[in-house]
Amino acid sequence: MGLLETAISGAARRTSHSHVVNEIGKAIVDGTYPVGSILPGDSELAERFHVSRTVLREAMKTLSAKGLVVPRARIGTRVTESRQWNMFDADVLAWHIDRGIDTSFVMHLSEMRLSFEPHAASLAAERASPQNIEWLLALSEDMVSARSHNELILADLRFHLTVLHASENPFMYGVGTLIEAALIGAFGLSSPDVPSREVETIGNSHRSIAEAIARGDGEAAAAAMRQVILTGRDQALARMQGPFVPD
């Protein structure tokens, strides 16, 4: 289950390992364990989470692989600088979202999307299969006819992921979590709660991308994709009623 579907359903993984990773990861991202601090010892954490030391060690390996912590001999497990955190990791993104979406998060995500999605749309115009094009056109219609908020944003997500796949560039596939995070950031912000003219506008803007890809017009597809990203960003920021303050 992806970031967006988890956010909508409220479902979460429930293994002991995932519970420890999730709780410690969230505590690091929200500052409960500040950058540079040493995590509590294994005995304390094992007792707190009611898990074995084996489970705890595996959880720490997972957090280390995500860039959040680093073990130090005779010192303990230290929380790393936030610049070392893997922001492409779905869990790390989810923990930032749990902490609360701010203007900085929205801006940084939109900057990343602008760096690759318009080009992906351009590549899709060159490489998309007839089936890809059929799916993109159908998904844009699904957005126009969405009967609920959840239907709208799930169709939105599937549309953007289909563009990435239609680019036929395997490096594009791995950045889909950024799109999911951006849509979660806009959840209840840039998308309306009920079908409205805004729903139709969102669907039509995505149809413009699909039609440009169908025509093989890479320049128009890229321009339409860029406009969709900027519009979503601006609507989200406007509803958050706060200016962007760089870190």
Protein backbone atom coordinates (compact mmCIF):
# COMPACT_ATOMS: atom_id res chain seq x y z
CA MET A 1 0.00 0.00 0.00
CA GLY A 2 1.43 3.38 -1.03
CA LEU A 3 1.66 6.63 0.91
CA LEU A 4 -1.57 8.06 -0.46
CA GLU A 5 -3.69 4.94 -0.03
CA THR A 6 -2.38 4.56 3.53
CA ALA A 7 -3.24 8.19 4.30
CA ILE A 8 -6.76 7.72 2.97
CA SER A 9 -7.46 4.34 4.55
CA GLY A 10 -5.65 4.97 7.82
CA ALA A 11 -4.14 1.50 7.53
CA ALA A 12 -0.64 0.90 8.84
CA ARG A 13 1.78 -1.98 9.03
CA ARG A 14 1.53 -3.75 12.38
CA THR A 15 4.60 -5.99 12.74
CA SER A 16 6.82 -5.41 15.77
CA HIS A 17 9.66 -4.35 13.51
CA SER A 18 7.59 -1.81 11.57
CA HIS A 19 6.08 -0.46 14.80
CA VAL A 20 9.51 0.26 16.30
CA VAL A 21 10.82 1.77 13.05
CA ASN A 22 7.72 3.93 12.72
CA GLU A 23 7.69 5.20 16.30
CA ILE A 24 11.39 6.01 16.47
CA GLY A 25 11.40 7.45 12.95
CA LYS A 26 8.51 9.79 13.75
CA ALA A 27 10.19 10.83 17.00
CA ILE A 28 13.37 11.72 15.13
CA VAL A 29 11.60 13.68 12.40
CA ASP A 30 9.40 15.61 14.85
CA GLY A 31 12.41 16.51 16.99
CA THR A 32 11.65 14.40 20.06
CA TYR A 33 15.12 12.96 19.42
CA PRO A 34 17.00 16.01 18.12
CA VAL A 35 19.73 15.94 15.50
CA GLY A 36 23.00 14.96 17.15
CA SER A 37 21.36 13.32 20.16
CA ILE A 38 22.02 9.76 21.28
CA LEU A 39 19.03 7.41 21.30
CA PRO A 40 18.18 5.57 24.52
CA GLY A 41 20.01 2.31 25.00
CA ASP A 42 18.87 -1.04 23.67
CA SER A 43 17.57 -2.25 27.03
CA GLU A 44 15.41 0.85 27.52
CA LEU A 45 13.99 0.77 23.98
CA ALA A 46 13.38 -2.98 24.04
CA GLU A 47 11.43 -2.60 27.27
CA ARG A 48 9.52 0.42 26.01
CA PHE A 49 8.36 -1.30 22.83
CA HIS A 50 8.06 -4.80 24.35
CA VAL A 51 10.28 -6.34 21.68
CA SER A 52 13.36 -8.50 21.67
CA ARG A 53 16.81 -7.04 21.16
CA THR A 54 16.92 -8.85 17.82
CA VAL A 55 13.85 -6.94 16.62
CA LEU A 56 15.32 -3.71 17.96
CA ARG A 57 18.65 -4.25 16.20
CA GLU A 58 16.87 -4.90 12.90
CA ALA A 59 14.81 -1.75 13.39
CA MET A 60 17.98 0.28 13.95
CA LYS A 61 19.48 -1.17 10.77
CA THR A 62 16.38 -0.03 8.90
CA LEU A 63 16.59 3.48 10.35
CA SER A 64 20.29 3.58 9.52
CA ALA A 65 19.57 2.57 5.92
CA LYS A 66 17.11 5.48 5.71
CA GLY A 67 19.89 7.82 6.85
CA LEU A 68 18.30 8.84 10.16
CA VAL A 69 20.79 7.30 12.57
CA VAL A 70 24.37 6.08 12.70
CA PRO A 71 25.78 3.66 15.31
CA ARG A 72 28.94 4.74 17.12
CA ALA A 73 31.07 2.22 19.01
CA ARG A 74 31.10 2.87 22.78
CA ILE A 75 28.90 5.94 22.24
CA GLY A 76 25.52 4.72 21.04
CA THR A 77 23.19 5.42 18.14
CA ARG A 78 23.32 9.04 17.08
CA VAL A 79 20.62 10.94 15.16
CA THR A 80 22.12 12.26 11.93
CA GLU A 81 21.81 15.67 10.30
CA SER A 82 18.51 16.01 8.42
CA ARG A 83 20.38 16.51 5.14
CA GLN A 84 21.47 12.88 5.39
CA TRP A 85 17.91 11.58 5.59
CA ASN A 86 16.64 9.81 2.48
CA MET A 87 13.77 12.05 1.42
CA PHE A 88 12.89 9.67 -1.41
CA ASP A 89 12.02 7.01 1.16
CA ALA A 90 8.28 6.52 1.62
CA ASP A 91 8.53 6.20 5.41
CA VAL A 92 10.65 9.33 5.80
CA LEU A 93 8.16 11.28 3.70
CA ALA A 94 5.27 9.87 5.73
CA TRP A 95 6.92 10.97 8.99
CA HIS A 96 7.32 14.49 7.66
CA ILE A 97 3.66 14.48 6.68
CA ASP A 98 2.66 13.22 10.14
CA ARG A 99 4.63 16.09 11.64
CA GLY A 100 2.49 18.52 9.67
CA ILE A 101 2.58 20.03 6.19
CA ASP A 102 4.05 23.52 5.98
CA THR A 103 4.76 25.88 3.11
CA SER A 104 8.39 24.85 2.96
CA PHE A 105 7.44 21.19 2.45
CA VAL A 106 4.97 22.07 -0.33
CA MET A 107 7.49 24.31 -2.09
CA HIS A 108 10.34 21.83 -1.91
CA LEU A 109 8.17 19.03 -3.27
CA SER A 110 6.89 21.16 -6.13
CA GLU A 111 10.46 22.17 -7.02
CA MET A 112 11.42 18.50 -7.24
CA ARG A 113 8.37 17.65 -9.33
CA LEU A 114 9.12 20.49 -11.72
CA SER A 115 12.61 19.07 -12.17
CA PHE A 116 11.42 15.75 -13.62
CA GLU A 117 7.69 15.51 -14.37
CA PRO A 118 7.54 17.90 -17.35
CA HIS A 119 10.44 16.02 -18.94
CA ALA A 120 8.71 12.72 -18.20
CA ALA A 121 5.62 14.02 -20.02
CA SER A 122 7.80 15.04 -22.96
CA LEU A 123 9.36 11.57 -23.10
CA ALA A 124 5.92 9.99 -22.84
CA ALA A 125 4.87 11.92 -25.94
CA GLU A 126 7.66 10.12 -27.79
CA ARG A 127 7.34 6.69 -26.22
CA ALA A 128 3.85 6.09 -24.80
CA SER A 129 2.12 2.95 -25.99
CA PRO A 130 -1.49 3.07 -27.23
CA GLN A 131 -2.50 1.44 -23.94
CA ASN A 132 -0.68 4.14 -21.92
CA ILE A 133 -2.49 6.82 -23.89
CA GLU A 134 -5.83 5.08 -23.39
CA TRP A 135 -5.21 4.90 -19.64
CA LEU A 136 -4.19 8.57 -19.40
CA LEU A 137 -7.30 9.73 -21.25
CA ALA A 138 -9.50 7.47 -19.11
CA LEU A 139 -7.90 8.69 -15.86
CA SER A 140 -8.45 12.32 -16.81
CA GLU A 141 -12.13 11.47 -17.38
CA ASP A 142 -12.19 9.71 -14.01
CA MET A 143 -11.06 12.97 -12.42
CA VAL A 144 -13.79 14.96 -14.16
CA SER A 145 -16.46 12.48 -13.04
CA ALA A 146 -15.06 11.80 -9.54
CA ARG A 147 -17.85 11.44 -7.00
CA SER A 148 -15.66 11.88 -3.95
CA HIS A 149 -12.49 13.55 -2.80
CA ASN A 150 -10.72 10.20 -2.50
CA GLU A 151 -11.68 9.13 -6.02
CA LEU A 152 -10.31 12.38 -7.37
CA ILE A 153 -6.87 12.24 -5.78
CA LEU A 154 -6.40 8.52 -6.41
CA ALA A 155 -7.13 9.07 -10.11
CA ASP A 156 -4.76 12.04 -9.98
CA LEU A 157 -2.00 9.88 -8.52
CA ARG A 158 -2.54 7.06 -11.03
CA PHE A 159 -2.41 9.58 -13.87
CA HIS A 160 0.97 10.94 -12.83
CA LEU A 161 2.42 7.49 -12.18
CA THR A 162 1.23 6.38 -15.63
CA VAL A 163 3.07 9.32 -17.19
CA LEU A 164 6.26 8.22 -15.43
CA HIS A 165 5.84 4.66 -16.73
CA ALA A 166 5.00 5.90 -20.21
CA SER A 167 8.33 7.76 -20.28
CA GLU A 168 9.99 4.32 -20.49
CA ASN A 169 12.81 5.61 -18.29
CA PRO A 170 13.31 3.24 -15.34
CA PHE A 171 14.88 5.98 -13.21
CA MET A 172 11.56 7.84 -13.33
CA TYR A 173 9.68 4.96 -11.70
CA GLY A 174 11.38 5.36 -8.33
CA VAL A 175 10.31 8.96 -7.76
CA GLY A 176 6.61 8.24 -7.59
CA THR A 177 6.65 8.59 -3.80
CA LEU A 178 7.37 12.30 -4.24
CA ILE A 179 4.17 12.68 -6.24
CA GLU A 180 2.25 10.77 -3.58
CA ALA A 181 3.68 13.03 -0.88
CA ALA A 182 2.78 16.12 -2.89
CA LEU A 183 -0.81 14.94 -3.25
CA ILE A 184 -1.01 14.14 0.45
CA GLY A 185 0.33 17.64 1.09
CA ALA A 186 -2.54 18.94 -1.02
CA PHE A 187 -5.04 16.53 0.59
CA GLY A 188 -7.90 18.79 1.62
CA LEU A 189 -5.99 21.79 0.26
CA SER A 190 -5.58 21.93 -3.51
CA SER A 191 -8.42 19.47 -4.18
CA PRO A 192 -12.04 20.12 -3.26
CA ASP A 193 -13.92 17.98 -0.79
CA VAL A 194 -16.83 17.34 -3.14
CA PRO A 195 -17.28 17.30 -6.92
CA SER A 196 -17.46 20.85 -8.23
CA ARG A 197 -16.27 23.06 -11.08
CA GLU A 198 -12.82 22.76 -9.56
CA VAL A 199 -12.98 18.99 -10.05
CA GLU A 200 -13.78 19.54 -13.73
CA THR A 201 -10.92 22.03 -14.02
CA ILE A 202 -8.48 19.53 -12.52
CA GLY A 203 -9.66 16.81 -14.90
CA ASN A 204 -9.49 19.07 -17.93
CA SER A 205 -5.96 20.22 -17.09
CA HIS A 206 -4.85 16.60 -16.93
CA ARG A 207 -6.70 15.83 -20.15
CA SER A 208 -4.57 18.50 -21.82
CA ILE A 209 -1.47 16.54 -20.82
CA ALA A 210 -2.94 13.26 -22.08
CA GLU A 211 -4.03 14.78 -25.40
CA ALA A 212 -0.60 16.33 -25.98
CA ILE A 213 1.02 12.95 -25.31
CA ALA A 214 -1.45 11.30 -27.69
CA ARG A 215 -0.48 13.83 -30.40
CA GLY A 216 3.19 13.19 -29.79
CA ASP A 217 3.67 16.85 -28.86
CA GLY A 218 6.36 16.72 -26.18
CA GLU A 219 6.65 20.48 -25.78
CA ALA A 220 2.93 20.90 -25.15
CA ALA A 221 2.85 17.91 -22.80
CA ALA A 222 5.71 19.34 -20.74
CA ALA A 223 4.08 22.79 -20.61
CA ALA A 224 0.74 21.34 -19.55
CA MET A 225 2.40 19.22 -16.85
CA ARG A 226 4.31 22.21 -15.54
CA GLN A 227 1.06 24.20 -15.31
CA VAL A 228 -0.70 21.40 -13.39
CA ILE A 229 2.11 21.28 -10.82
CA LEU A 230 2.24 25.06 -10.41
CA THR A 231 -1.53 25.36 -10.08
CA GLY A 232 -1.68 22.66 -7.42
CA ARG A 233 1.19 24.27 -5.54
CA ASP A 234 -0.33 27.74 -5.64
CA GLN A 235 -3.75 26.55 -4.52
CA ALA A 236 -2.23 24.59 -1.63
CA LEU A 237 -0.11 27.55 -0.52
CA ALA A 238 -3.03 29.96 -0.78
CA ARG A 239 -5.18 27.77 1.43
CA MET A 240 -2.38 27.38 3.94
CA GLN A 241 -2.29 31.21 4.10
CA GLY A 242 1.41 31.46 4.69
CA PRO A 243 4.42 32.62 2.68
CA PHE A 244 7.28 30.30 1.81
CA VAL A 245 10.20 30.67 4.20
CA PRO A 246 13.34 28.84 3.01
CA ASP A 247 15.15 26.62 5.50
